[in-house]
Amino acid sequence: MIRTQIYLTDKQRSALALIAKNLGKKQSEIIRDAVDRLIDQAGQNHKKEVLQKAAGIWKNRTDLPDFRAMRSEWDR
């Protein structure tokens, strides 16, 4: 692990200390958990954003074969 220094407000520090005490964990462990959740959330949001941008990219393309006609041939 890499040591990192952060600055917290008095309110943040007090709340973090209370949460740590209630969970029986160290404050650093709770901070790492929160950072992991933020990273996961950002990754999921990025995936969702990419999928939303990709939706419909093949719509109205004239250079592609007629897939409905191709599939109807397979159904025979």
Protein backbone atom coordinates (compact mmCIF):
# COMPACT_ATOMS: atom_id res chain seq x y z
CA MET A 1 0.00 0.00 0.00
CA ILE A 2 1.00 3.56 -0.57
CA ARG A 3 0.68 6.07 2.23
CA THR A 4 -1.48 9.04 1.26
CA GLN A 5 -2.24 12.14 3.25
CA ILE A 6 -5.70 13.71 3.06
CA TYR A 7 -7.29 16.70 4.72
CA LEU A 8 -10.69 16.34 6.38
CA THR A 9 -12.94 18.89 7.99
CA ASP A 10 -13.60 18.53 11.71
CA LYS A 11 -17.11 17.31 10.90
CA GLN A 12 -15.80 14.67 8.45
CA ARG A 13 -13.16 13.50 10.93
CA SER A 14 -15.68 13.18 13.77
CA ALA A 15 -18.19 11.33 11.62
CA LEU A 16 -15.49 9.00 10.29
CA ALA A 17 -14.27 8.25 13.80
CA LEU A 18 -17.83 7.42 14.90
CA ILE A 19 -18.41 5.15 11.90
CA ALA A 20 -15.11 3.38 12.51
CA LYS A 21 -15.96 2.82 16.15
CA ASN A 22 -19.43 1.47 15.32
CA LEU A 23 -18.06 -0.89 12.67
CA GLY A 24 -15.02 -1.92 14.65
CA LYS A 25 -12.72 -0.93 11.82
CA LYS A 26 -9.83 1.46 11.42
CA GLN A 27 -10.54 4.81 9.79
CA SER A 28 -8.03 4.06 7.03
CA GLU A 29 -9.90 0.85 6.21
CA ILE A 30 -13.19 2.73 5.91
CA ILE A 31 -11.58 5.35 3.67
CA ARG A 32 -10.16 2.62 1.39
CA ASP A 33 -13.60 0.97 1.20
CA ALA A 34 -15.18 4.30 0.25
CA VAL A 35 -12.55 4.93 -2.43
CA ASP A 36 -13.11 1.43 -3.85
CA ARG A 37 -16.88 2.07 -4.05
CA LEU A 38 -16.29 5.39 -5.79
CA ILE A 39 -13.97 3.75 -8.32
CA ASP A 40 -16.50 0.97 -8.99
CA GLN A 41 -19.31 3.49 -9.39
CA ALA A 42 -17.29 5.62 -11.79
CA GLY A 43 -16.47 2.53 -13.85
CA GLN A 44 -20.11 1.50 -14.05
CA ASN A 45 -21.14 5.01 -15.03
CA HIS A 46 -18.49 5.02 -17.76
CA LYS A 47 -19.72 1.66 -19.12
CA LYS A 48 -23.31 2.91 -19.11
CA GLU A 49 -22.29 6.13 -20.86
CA VAL A 50 -20.40 4.23 -23.57
CA LEU A 51 -23.35 1.89 -24.16
CA GLN A 52 -25.75 4.83 -24.38
CA LYS A 53 -23.51 6.52 -26.94
CA ALA A 54 -23.30 3.29 -28.96
CA ALA A 55 -27.06 2.75 -29.03
CA GLY A 56 -28.38 3.14 -32.55
CA ILE A 57 -25.03 3.66 -34.27
CA TRP A 58 -26.02 1.22 -37.05
CA LYS A 59 -29.40 2.88 -37.58
CA ASN A 60 -30.04 4.29 -41.05
CA ARG A 61 -26.86 2.79 -42.50
CA THR A 62 -27.11 2.20 -46.25
CA ASP A 63 -23.81 0.36 -46.67
CA LEU A 64 -24.92 -2.75 -44.74
CA PRO A 65 -26.70 -5.81 -46.13
CA ASP A 66 -30.42 -6.35 -45.48
CA PHE A 67 -30.22 -8.41 -42.31
CA ARG A 68 -33.96 -9.14 -42.23
CA ALA A 69 -33.73 -10.73 -45.69
CA MET A 70 -30.67 -12.74 -44.64
CA ARG A 71 -32.39 -13.99 -41.48
CA SER A 72 -35.55 -14.94 -43.37
CA GLU A 73 -33.40 -17.20 -45.54
CA TRP A 74 -32.11 -18.96 -42.42
CA ASP A 75 -35.65 -19.54 -41.16
CA ARG A 76 -36.54 -21.62 -44.22
